[in-house]
PDB file of N, CA and C in Angstrom:
ATOM      1  N   UNK A   1     108.791 101.595  66.633  1.00  0.00           N
ATOM      2  CA  UNK A   1     108.596 100.324  67.295  1.00  0.00           C
ATOM      3  C   UNK A   1     109.118 100.364  68.728  1.00  0.00           C
ATOM      4  N   UNK A   2     110.260 101.007  68.930  1.00  0.00           N
ATOM      5  CA  UNK A   2     110.819 101.112  70.272  1.00  0.00           C
ATOM      6  C   UNK A   2     109.895 101.914  71.189  1.00  0.00           C
ATOM      7  N   UNK A   3     109.269 102.955  70.633  1.00  0.00           N
ATOM      8  CA  UNK A   3     108.353 103.771  71.436  1.00  0.00           C
ATOM      9  C   UNK A   3     107.163 102.936  71.914  1.00  0.00           C
ATOM     10  N   UNK A   4     106.662 102.058  71.055  1.00  0.00           N
ATOM     11  CA  UNK A   4     105.538 101.196  71.444  1.00  0.00           C
ATOM     12  C   UNK A   4     105.943 100.217  72.531  1.00  0.00           C
ATOM     13  N   UNK A   5     107.154  99.695  72.443  1.00  0.00           N
ATOM     14  CA  UNK A   5     107.651  98.781  73.465  1.00  0.00           C
ATOM     15  C   UNK A   5     107.789  99.487  74.806  1.00  0.00           C
ATOM     16  N   UNK A   6     108.350 100.689  74.785  1.00  0.00           N
ATOM     17  CA  UNK A   6     108.504 101.465  76.019  1.00  0.00           C
ATOM     18  C   UNK A   6     107.138 101.792  76.609  1.00  0.00           C
ATOM     19  N   UNK A   7     106.198 102.164  75.755  1.00  0.00           N
ATOM     20  CA  UNK A   7     104.847 102.475  76.229  1.00  0.00           C
ATOM     21  C   UNK A   7     104.203 101.261  76.890  1.00  0.00           C
ATOM     22  N   UNK A   8     104.297 100.122  76.245  1.00  0.00           N
ATOM     23  CA  UNK A   8     103.709  98.906  76.804  1.00  0.00           C
ATOM     24  C   UNK A   8     104.354  98.483  78.108  1.00  0.00           C
ATOM     25  N   UNK A   9     105.672  98.563  78.161  1.00  0.00           N
ATOM     26  CA  UNK A   9     106.379  98.164  79.385  1.00  0.00           C
ATOM     27  C   UNK A   9     106.079  99.097  80.549  1.00  0.00           C
ATOM     28  N   UNK A  10     106.064 100.408  80.293  1.00  0.00           N
ATOM     29  CA  UNK A  10     105.769 101.330  81.388  1.00  0.00           C
ATOM     30  C   UNK A  10     104.324 101.183  81.857  1.00  0.00           C
ATOM     31  N   UNK A  11     103.394 100.950  80.931  1.00  0.00           N
ATOM     32  CA  UNK A  11     102.006 100.708  81.333  1.00  0.00           C
ATOM     33  C   UNK A  11     101.910  99.459  82.208  1.00  0.00           C
ATOM     34  N   UNK A  12     102.581  98.394  81.789  1.00  0.00           N
ATOM     35  CA  UNK A  12     102.527  97.134  82.539  1.00  0.00           C
ATOM     36  C   UNK A  12     103.155  97.284  83.918  1.00  0.00           C
ATOM     37  N   UNK A  13     104.306  97.941  83.974  1.00  0.00           N
ATOM     38  CA  UNK A  13     104.981  98.133  85.262  1.00  0.00           C
ATOM     39  C   UNK A  13     104.119  98.976  86.190  1.00  0.00           C
ATOM     40  N   UNK A  14     103.530 100.045  85.667  1.00  0.00           N
ATOM     41  CA  UNK A  14     102.667 100.896  86.486  1.00  0.00           C
ATOM     42  C   UNK A  14     101.454 100.149  87.001  1.00  0.00           C
ATOM     43  N   UNK A  15     100.808  99.369  86.124  1.00  0.00           N
ATOM     44  CA  UNK A  15      99.611  98.635  86.528  1.00  0.00           C
ATOM     45  C   UNK A  15      99.934  97.580  87.579  1.00  0.00           C
ATOM     46  N   UNK A  16     100.963  96.779  87.335  1.00  0.00           N
ATOM     47  CA  UNK A  16     101.300  95.698  88.270  1.00  0.00           C
ATOM     48  C   UNK A  16     101.745  96.266  89.614  1.00  0.00           C
ATOM     49  N   UNK A  17     102.557  97.323  89.575  1.00  0.00           N
ATOM     50  CA  UNK A  17     103.007  97.931  90.831  1.00  0.00           C
ATOM     51  C   UNK A  17     101.823  98.472  91.621  1.00  0.00           C
ATOM     52  N   UNK A  18     100.919  99.171  90.948  1.00  0.00           N
ATOM     53  CA  UNK A  18      99.737  99.700  91.625  1.00  0.00           C
ATOM     54  C   UNK A  18      98.843  98.599  92.175  1.00  0.00           C
ATOM     55  N   UNK A  19      98.664  97.530  91.403  1.00  0.00           N
ATOM     56  CA  UNK A  19      97.836  96.416  91.867  1.00  0.00           C
ATOM     57  C   UNK A  19      98.454  95.743  93.088  1.00  0.00           C
ATOM     58  N   UNK A  20      99.776  95.586  93.071  1.00  0.00           N
ATOM     59  CA  UNK A  20     100.441  94.987  94.228  1.00  0.00           C
ATOM     60  C   UNK A  20     100.339  95.890  95.458  1.00  0.00           C
ATOM     61  N   UNK A  21     100.436  97.198  95.255  1.00  0.00           N
ATOM     62  CA  UNK A  21     100.249  98.111  96.383  1.00  0.00           C
ATOM     63  C   UNK A  21      98.819  98.042  96.920  1.00  0.00           C
ATOM     64  N   UNK A  22      97.840  97.949  96.005  1.00  0.00           N
ATOM     65  CA  UNK A  22      96.452  97.792  96.443  1.00  0.00           C
ATOM     66  C   UNK A  22      96.245  96.502  97.216  1.00  0.00           C
ATOM     67  N   UNK A  23      96.881  95.433  96.743  1.00  0.00           N
ATOM     68  CA  UNK A  23      96.812  94.156  97.457  1.00  0.00           C
ATOM     69  C   UNK A  23      97.435  94.284  98.839  1.00  0.00           C
ATOM     70  N   UNK A  24      98.571  94.981  98.916  1.00  0.00           N
ATOM     71  CA  UNK A  24      99.251  95.178 100.199  1.00  0.00           C
ATOM     72  C   UNK A  24      98.411  95.982 101.175  1.00  0.00           C
ATOM     73  N   UNK A  25      97.753  97.019 100.682  1.00  0.00           N
ATOM     74  CA  UNK A  25      96.878  97.817 101.548  1.00  0.00           C
ATOM     75  C   UNK A  25      95.736  96.948 102.070  1.00  0.00           C
ATOM     76  N   UNK A  26      95.151  96.157 101.182  1.00  0.00           N
ATOM     77  CA  UNK A  26      94.074  95.260 101.615  1.00  0.00           C
ATOM     78  C   UNK A  26      94.545  94.256 102.648  1.00  0.00           C
ATOM     79  N   UNK A  27      95.727  93.688 102.434  1.00  0.00           N
ATOM     80  CA  UNK A  27      96.270  92.726 103.403  1.00  0.00           C
ATOM     81  C   UNK A  27      96.563  93.410 104.737  1.00  0.00           C
ATOM     82  N   UNK A  28      97.066  94.644 104.684  1.00  0.00           N
ATOM     83  CA  UNK A  28      97.353  95.379 105.915  1.00  0.00           C
ATOM     84  C   UNK A  28      96.073  95.685 106.692  1.00  0.00           C
ATOM     85  N   UNK A  29      94.978  95.839 105.957  1.00  0.00           N
ATOM     86  CA  UNK A  29      93.689  96.090 106.613  1.00  0.00           C
ATOM     87  C   UNK A  29      92.994  94.795 107.039  1.00  0.00           C
ATOM     88  N   UNK A  30      93.629  93.663 106.768  1.00  0.00           N
ATOM     89  CA  UNK A  30      93.066  92.378 107.164  1.00  0.00           C
ATOM     90  C   UNK A  30      92.046  91.823 106.192  1.00  0.00           C
ATOM     91  N   UNK A  31      92.042  92.310 104.964  1.00  0.00           N
ATOM     92  CA  UNK A  31      91.089  91.841 103.957  1.00  0.00           C
ATOM     93  C   UNK A  31      91.723  90.711 103.159  1.00  0.00           C
ATOM     94  N   UNK A  32      90.954  89.647 102.934  1.00  0.00           N
ATOM     95  CA  UNK A  32      91.458  88.485 102.210  1.00  0.00           C
ATOM     96  C   UNK A  32      90.873  88.480 100.803  1.00  0.00           C
ATOM     97  N   UNK A  33      91.718  88.796  99.834  1.00  0.00           N
ATOM     98  CA  UNK A  33      91.293  88.840  98.439  1.00  0.00           C
ATOM     99  C   UNK A  33      90.817  87.479  97.954  1.00  0.00           C
ATOM    100  N   UNK A  34      91.444  86.414  98.443  1.00  0.00           N
ATOM    101  CA  UNK A  34      91.168  85.073  97.952  1.00  0.00           C
ATOM    102  C   UNK A  34      90.255  84.271  98.875  1.00  0.00           C
ATOM    103  N   UNK A  35      89.463  84.954  99.683  1.00  0.00           N
ATOM    104  CA  UNK A  35      88.526  84.264 100.562  1.00  0.00           C
ATOM    105  C   UNK A  35      87.456  83.567  99.719  1.00  0.00           C
ATOM    106  N   UNK A  36      86.962  82.447 100.225  1.00  0.00           N
ATOM    107  CA  UNK A  36      85.921  81.732  99.484  1.00  0.00           C
ATOM    108  C   UNK A  36      84.638  82.566  99.497  1.00  0.00           C
ATOM    109  N   UNK A  37      83.969  82.576  98.382  1.00  0.00           N
ATOM    110  CA  UNK A  37      82.761  83.376  98.257  1.00  0.00           C
ATOM    111  C   UNK A  37      83.110  84.828  97.997  1.00  0.00           C
ATOM    112  N   UNK A  38      82.099  85.648  97.931  1.00  0.00           N
ATOM    113  CA  UNK A  38      82.288  87.072  97.685  1.00  0.00           C
ATOM    114  C   UNK A  38      81.711  87.862  98.847  1.00  0.00           C
ATOM    115  N   UNK A  39      82.394  87.779  99.975  1.00  0.00           N
ATOM    116  CA  UNK A  39      81.975  88.556 101.126  1.00  0.00           C
ATOM    117  C   UNK A  39      82.396  90.008 100.969  1.00  0.00           C
ATOM    118  N   UNK A  40      81.979  90.824 101.913  1.00  0.00           N
ATOM    119  CA  UNK A  40      82.283  92.252 101.863  1.00  0.00           C
ATOM    120  C   UNK A  40      83.782  92.510 101.843  1.00  0.00           C
ATOM    121  N   UNK A  41      84.526  91.810 102.692  1.00  0.00           N
ATOM    122  CA  UNK A  41      85.972  91.999 102.741  1.00  0.00           C
ATOM    123  C   UNK A  41      86.650  91.632 101.438  1.00  0.00           C
ATOM    124  N   UNK A  42      86.195  90.574 100.825  1.00  0.00           N
ATOM    125  CA  UNK A  42      86.762  90.138  99.556  1.00  0.00           C
ATOM    126  C   UNK A  42      86.470  91.146  98.441  1.00  0.00           C
ATOM    127  N   UNK A  43      85.259  91.669  98.407  1.00  0.00           N
ATOM    128  CA  UNK A  43      84.890  92.664  97.396  1.00  0.00           C
ATOM    129  C   UNK A  43      85.710  93.931  97.582  1.00  0.00           C
ATOM    130  N   UNK A  44      85.891  94.377  98.809  1.00  0.00           N
ATOM    131  CA  UNK A  44      86.692  95.577  99.069  1.00  0.00           C
ATOM    132  C   UNK A  44      88.140  95.345  98.647  1.00  0.00           C
ATOM    133  N   UNK A  45      88.672  94.155  98.923  1.00  0.00           N
ATOM    134  CA  UNK A  45      90.041  93.834  98.515  1.00  0.00           C
ATOM    135  C   UNK A  45      90.169  93.842  96.994  1.00  0.00           C
ATOM    136  N   UNK A  46      89.186  93.306  96.292  1.00  0.00           N
ATOM    137  CA  UNK A  46      89.190  93.316  94.826  1.00  0.00           C
ATOM    138  C   UNK A  46      89.159  94.757  94.310  1.00  0.00           C
ATOM    139  N   UNK A  47      88.341  95.598  94.925  1.00  0.00           N
ATOM    140  CA  UNK A  47      88.277  97.006  94.535  1.00  0.00           C
ATOM    141  C   UNK A  47      89.613  97.711  94.766  1.00  0.00           C
ATOM    142  N   UNK A  48      90.268  97.418  95.879  1.00  0.00           N
ATOM    143  CA  UNK A  48      91.567  98.036  96.154  1.00  0.00           C
ATOM    144  C   UNK A  48      92.615  97.640  95.117  1.00  0.00           C
ATOM    145  N   UNK A  49      92.610  96.379  94.715  1.00  0.00           N
ATOM    146  CA  UNK A  49      93.550  95.923  93.690  1.00  0.00           C
ATOM    147  C   UNK A  49      93.247  96.623  92.360  1.00  0.00           C
ATOM    148  N   UNK A  50      91.985  96.710  92.004  1.00  0.00           N
ATOM    149  CA  UNK A  50      91.604  97.380  90.755  1.00  0.00           C
ATOM    150  C   UNK A  50      91.926  98.862  90.768  1.00  0.00           C
ATOM    151  N   UNK A  51      91.614  99.523  91.865  1.00  0.00           N
ATOM    152  CA  UNK A  51      91.924 100.952  91.975  1.00  0.00           C
ATOM    153  C   UNK A  51      93.434 101.194  91.979  1.00  0.00           C
ATOM    154  N   UNK A  52      94.162 100.328  92.663  1.00  0.00           N
ATOM    155  CA  UNK A  52      95.622 100.456  92.671  1.00  0.00           C
ATOM    156  C   UNK A  52      96.205 100.265  91.283  1.00  0.00           C
ATOM    157  N   UNK A  53      95.722  99.263  90.557  1.00  0.00           N
ATOM    158  CA  UNK A  53      96.209  99.023  89.203  1.00  0.00           C
ATOM    159  C   UNK A  53      95.903 100.179  88.269  1.00  0.00           C
ATOM    160  N   UNK A  54      94.693 100.696  88.333  1.00  0.00           N
ATOM    161  CA  UNK A  54      94.315 101.830  87.495  1.00  0.00           C
ATOM    162  C   UNK A  54      95.093 103.087  87.826  1.00  0.00           C
ATOM    163  N   UNK A  55      95.305 103.328  89.111  1.00  0.00           N
ATOM    164  CA  UNK A  55      96.079 104.490  89.537  1.00  0.00           C
ATOM    165  C   UNK A  55      97.528 104.365  89.092  1.00  0.00           C
ATOM    166  N   UNK A  56      98.095 103.172  89.250  1.00  0.00           N
ATOM    167  CA  UNK A  56      99.467 102.950  88.803  1.00  0.00           C
ATOM    168  C   UNK A  56      99.621 103.149  87.310  1.00  0.00           C
ATOM    169  N   UNK A  57      98.647 102.688  86.541  1.00  0.00           N
ATOM    170  CA  UNK A  57      98.672 102.876  85.089  1.00  0.00           C
ATOM    171  C   UNK A  57      98.625 104.363  84.739  1.00  0.00           C
ATOM    172  N   UNK A  58      97.735 105.109  85.378  1.00  0.00           N
ATOM    173  CA  UNK A  58      97.636 106.539  85.093  1.00  0.00           C
ATOM    174  C   UNK A  58      98.898 107.287  85.508  1.00  0.00           C
ATOM    175  N   UNK A  59      99.494 106.904  86.628  1.00  0.00           N
ATOM    176  CA  UNK A  59     100.745 107.546  87.046  1.00  0.00           C
ATOM    177  C   UNK A  59     101.871 107.252  86.065  1.00  0.00           C
ATOM    178  N   UNK A  60     101.911 106.036  85.551  1.00  0.00           N
ATOM    179  CA  UNK A  60     102.940 105.686  84.564  1.00  0.00           C
ATOM    180  C   UNK A  60     102.747 106.496  83.292  1.00  0.00           C
ATOM    181  N   UNK A  61     101.515 106.661  82.859  1.00  0.00           N
ATOM    182  CA  UNK A  61     101.253 107.443  81.647  1.00  0.00           C
ATOM    183  C   UNK A  61     101.574 108.919  81.861  1.00  0.00           C
ATOM    184  N   UNK A  62     101.265 109.437  83.041  1.00  0.00           N
ATOM    185  CA  UNK A  62     101.598 110.825  83.357  1.00  0.00           C
ATOM    186  C   UNK A  62     103.108 111.024  83.365  1.00  0.00           C
ATOM    187  N   UNK A  63     103.807 110.104  83.997  1.00  0.00           N
ATOM    188  CA  UNK A  63     105.275 110.180  84.030  1.00  0.00           C
ATOM    189  C   UNK A  63     105.855 110.121  82.618  1.00  0.00           C
ATOM    190  N   UNK A  64     105.339 109.210  81.795  1.00  0.00           N
ATOM    191  CA  UNK A  64     105.838 109.072  80.425  1.00  0.00           C
ATOM    192  C   UNK A  64     105.565 110.336  79.621  1.00  0.00           C
ATOM    193  N   UNK A  65     104.401 110.965  79.808  1.00  0.00           N
ATOM    194  CA  UNK A  65     104.077 112.196  79.089  1.00  0.00           C
ATOM    195  C   UNK A  65     105.023 113.322  79.505  1.00  0.00           C
ATOM    196  N   UNK A  66     105.344 113.393  80.795  1.00  0.00           N
ATOM    197  CA  UNK A  66     106.292 114.405  81.261  1.00  0.00           C
ATOM    198  C   UNK A  66     107.678 114.162  80.680  1.00  0.00           C
ATOM    199  N   UNK A  67     108.059 112.893  80.579  1.00  0.00           N
ATOM    200  CA  UNK A  67     109.360 112.574  79.987  1.00  0.00           C
ATOM    201  C   UNK A  67     109.392 112.962  78.517  1.00  0.00           C
ATOM    202  N   UNK A  68     108.301 112.724  77.802  1.00  0.00           N
ATOM    203  CA  UNK A  68     108.226 113.077  76.390  1.00  0.00           C
ATOM    204  C   UNK A  68     108.300 114.585  76.195  1.00  0.00           C
ATOM    205  N   UNK A  69     107.613 115.333  77.081  1.00  0.00           N
ATOM    206  CA  UNK A  69     107.604 116.795  76.956  1.00  0.00           C
ATOM    207  C   UNK A  69     108.962 117.398  77.318  1.00  0.00           C
ATOM    208  N   UNK A  70     109.680 116.798  78.249  1.00  0.00           N
ATOM    209  CA  UNK A  70     110.964 117.357  78.649  1.00  0.00           C
ATOM    210  C   UNK A  70     112.033 117.128  77.599  1.00  0.00           C
ATOM    211  N   UNK A  71     111.854 116.140  76.719  1.00  0.00           N
ATOM    212  CA  UNK A  71     112.826 115.864  75.661  1.00  0.00           C
ATOM    213  C   UNK A  71     112.450 116.508  74.332  1.00  0.00           C
ATOM    214  N   UNK A  72     111.308 117.190  74.295  1.00  0.00           N
ATOM    215  CA  UNK A  72     110.877 117.837  73.046  1.00  0.00           C
ATOM    216  C   UNK A  72     111.730 119.074  72.787  1.00  0.00           C
ATOM    217  N   UNK A  73     111.990 119.374  71.536  1.00  0.00           N
ATOM    218  CA  UNK A  73     112.819 120.546  71.225  1.00  0.00           C
ATOM    219  C   UNK A  73     112.112 121.857  71.477  1.00  0.00           C
TER     220      UNK A  73
END
C-alpha cells in the first residue's frame, strides 16, 4: 500500500511540476493560456502545458525506477 501511495504522489508531483514549467515557458514567450477563444497562441500554450506535464510525469517515473533499482539486492 505504501508503494502505491509513493507511486501516486511522485507521478502527481512530476506532472504538476512539468505542467507549471510548461505554463511558465508559455508565459515567458508571451502566450496567454487563458485567452478568450482558441487562437494560435492559446493552442501553443495548451500544448506546452500538456507536453510539460507529460515530460514531468515520465521524468518522475524514470527517477522512481532508478531509485527502485538502486535499492534492489
